[in-house]
Amino acid sequence: MKNIKNRMLLKLYFLASISIFLFASCSNDDSTGSSGKLEVTGISRSVVDDPLVEGDRKVDVPTDVINAGNYYIIRGSGFATLQSISFNGLESYFNPTFVTDNAIVVLVDEKTPYYNEMDEMKIVTSLGTLNYKIAIRPPSPSIKGFPINPNAGDIITIKGEYFLRPIVNFGTTTVEPLESSLTEIKVKVPDDFKYKYLSITNVSGTTVANQALGSALYDDAPTNIWGWDEKWDATNSFDLAYTKDFSQGSKSIEWKSGEWDAYIIALADWNFKDTDKFKAVRFSIKGAKAGKVKFFINGDPENNIKIVEFKSDSWTYIEIPFSDVGNPAVLSKIGWQEFGGFGGNTILLDDIGLVLK
C-alpha cells in the first residue's frame, strides 16, 4: 500500500490535466463567442488515482459516472456563456477561467444528492438549457476519526461520511464490518495492524487515513506513547479533553498560554522503542488568534527548532521532518513555545503523533 497521497502532487496533476484540456479546447474554440450549438460529447475525470495501487495515477480519464467531490472535464460545444452547472439539482462551483466554448472544468459539489435521484447534469447558458443523463454517485469515503492506537481484538468505531457498502482494510488485511451506517463503522482490530494504514472503500473509491495505526501521542487523550507533560509556567490553563473544537476524533488540547510560555510532551521510552520507524512529527494547531509557535525537541528550545504559523479560523496540519530538527538519534520530547509576540494566546493542539517512513 502506498503511504498518504501527496496533496501537492495531486494538485500538480490536476493543473497539468487542466492545461492539456485548455490547450486542446482553445485550439478549436470560437474566440468571438459560442458556437451556437449546446451539446455534451463526453465527460472525463480530471485525476484518477487508487491510493492502494502504486503508479496508477491517470489524468483526463473518460467516464460515464460522476462521483461527487471530484473535478470533471465536460466536453462539447456552446459553453462560452455558461451561467450555471448543476448535478441532481444542486449547483456546483466552476471557475470561468476554466471554461471555453468546447469544455468546462467543474468541481462537483461534495453534497450533491445521489440516492433515489434523477441522475442528471443541467447546463445553463445564454443559448438555453441542456439536461444530460449521467449516473451520479457519492464521494469517496471521508474518515473523520478512529482510535489510532488500538489493541488487537478491540472493537473500534470509525466515524466519517459516505460509508456506502464499505470495505475496511488494516494495511492489506480486509476486515468485515460488524455494523455500519453511512457515518459509522464498527470493526474488530486484527492481530497484524501496527504501523499500517486504515483504508475504507465505498462504491465510488478508496480513502486512506492520514494517521498510521499506533502512531499517536494524543488521540482524544494521551496514548501509550505519551509519557508525561511539562509546563514552563504552571499557571497556564490546560484542558486535555476540550470538546468544543477539534481536528479529528472528538477532543483536543486547549492551552491558555502566556507570552513565550512552553508546553512539552515526553515520549514513554519504557514502552515505546520504535522511533526509528518514523520520519516526522505531526500535529494540528489552531489559535484564538492567528499566531506562531516555536517547535523544538528533546527539551532544547534554542537548537534544532522550527517556527510554525497557524490560523484562528481553521486548523493547520503540520508535519515536521526529523531532518528539519537535527535528525535526532533519539526522540525523547517534543515541545511548543508560544511565539506570537502579542502577549500570549489560547492554542488548540490535536492529532499529535509520528509519521511513518
Foldseek 3Di string as FASTA:
>chain_A
DAAADDVVVVVVQLVVLLVVVCVVVVVPFDVVAFPLDDDWDFKFFAWDDARLDPPPIDGRHTDQEAEAQGKMKTFDFQCLQWDFKAFLPHTFDFDNVSDTRTITITHHHQPHDQPPTQQWMWIQGPSGIDIDHGHYHHHWWAWFAKQQADAQFDWIKTFTAQQAVKWKDLANRTWDFPDDDRTITITGHHHPRAQTWIKMGHPHGIDIDNGRRPWFCAGLAGDLFWDDKDKPDPVWDWDSRCQPDARGDGGWIKTFDWAFIKMKTFTDVVPDDPPVQFFWKKKKKAWCAWFWKKKAFPPDSPAQIDIDTHHHPDIDIDIGTCVSRPVDPDTTMMMITGDRPPTTTIMIMHRTGTHGD
